[in-house]
Amino acid sequence: MSSKPFFPLLILLLASLACGLFSPAAPTAPPVPPPPTIPPTPLPPRPVEPGEANPDEPVFIIGEIPYTSPFFLDT
């Protein structure tokens, strides 16, 4: 087996690695910061009406709830 083609390839590989390590590419410009974001407009306050007038109001449940309760069933 001839080793003549191996040495030029090895020298070429080492030279390309050395060029990449000792003379890196030109420095790039610093990244441009993103424009400031505008905060969203806050929603107007909505009065909370207790009881059945406001079905979105959280409900505090005390005790054990069976899994057959309408609370767990999608009706």
Protein backbone atom coordinates (compact mmCIF):
# COMPACT_ATOMS: atom_id res chain seq x y z
CA MET A 1 0.00 0.00 0.00
CA SER A 2 1.40 3.35 -1.00
CA SER A 3 1.53 6.17 1.57
CA LYS A 4 2.36 8.94 -0.94
CA PRO A 5 -1.24 10.26 -1.37
CA PHE A 6 -1.79 10.15 2.39
CA PHE A 7 0.84 12.75 3.34
CA PRO A 8 -0.34 15.58 1.04
CA LEU A 9 -3.90 15.04 2.24
CA LEU A 10 -2.75 15.08 5.86
CA ILE A 11 -0.78 18.29 5.34
CA LEU A 12 -3.74 19.89 3.55
CA LEU A 13 -6.08 18.89 6.39
CA LEU A 14 -3.74 20.23 9.08
CA ALA A 15 -3.21 23.48 7.16
CA SER A 16 -6.94 24.06 6.79
CA LEU A 17 -7.47 23.40 10.50
CA ALA A 18 -4.65 25.77 11.42
CA CYS A 19 -6.05 28.52 9.20
CA GLY A 20 -9.44 28.16 10.84
CA LEU A 21 -8.00 28.31 14.34
CA PHE A 22 -5.47 31.12 13.95
CA SER A 23 -7.28 33.40 11.51
CA PRO A 24 -11.01 33.14 12.15
CA ALA A 25 -13.54 34.83 9.93
CA ALA A 26 -14.01 38.57 10.17
CA PRO A 27 -16.00 39.59 13.25
CA THR A 28 -19.65 40.15 12.59
CA ALA A 29 -21.62 43.21 13.62
CA PRO A 30 -23.24 43.04 17.05
CA PRO A 31 -26.83 41.81 16.94
CA VAL A 32 -29.49 44.46 16.68
CA PRO A 33 -31.68 44.51 19.80
CA PRO A 34 -35.37 43.87 19.13
CA PRO A 35 -37.66 46.89 19.27
CA PRO A 36 -39.38 47.42 22.60
CA THR A 37 -42.77 45.82 22.84
CA ILE A 38 -45.80 47.87 23.72
CA PRO A 39 -47.59 46.48 26.78
CA PRO A 40 -51.15 45.33 26.06
CA THR A 41 -54.03 47.58 27.02
CA PRO A 42 -55.48 46.41 30.34
CA LEU A 43 -59.05 45.18 30.30
CA PRO A 44 -61.65 47.36 31.99
CA PRO A 45 -62.64 46.09 35.43
CA ARG A 46 -65.84 44.07 35.46
CA PRO A 47 -67.96 44.12 38.59
CA VAL A 48 -68.34 40.73 40.24
CA GLU A 49 -71.89 39.81 41.11
CA PRO A 50 -72.07 37.00 43.65
CA GLY A 51 -74.33 34.01 43.23
CA GLU A 52 -76.12 32.81 40.14
CA ALA A 53 -75.92 36.21 38.48
CA ASN A 54 -72.28 35.47 37.59
CA PRO A 55 -71.69 31.82 36.56
CA ASP A 56 -67.95 32.50 36.06
CA GLU A 57 -67.43 33.23 39.76
CA PRO A 58 -65.40 30.54 41.56
CA VAL A 59 -67.32 28.32 43.95
CA PHE A 60 -65.92 27.01 47.26
CA ILE A 61 -66.97 23.41 47.82
CA ILE A 62 -66.79 21.74 51.22
CA GLY A 63 -66.99 18.00 51.79
CA GLU A 64 -66.70 14.90 49.65
CA ILE A 65 -68.04 14.95 46.10
CA PRO A 66 -68.98 11.57 44.57
CA TYR A 67 -67.71 11.02 41.04
CA THR A 68 -71.31 10.59 39.85
CA SER A 69 -72.01 14.17 40.83
CA PRO A 70 -73.06 16.58 38.06
CA PHE A 71 -69.93 18.51 39.05
CA PHE A 72 -67.86 15.87 37.20
CA LEU A 73 -70.31 14.99 34.45
CA ASP A 74 -70.42 16.94 31.22
CA THR A 75 -74.13 17.63 30.81
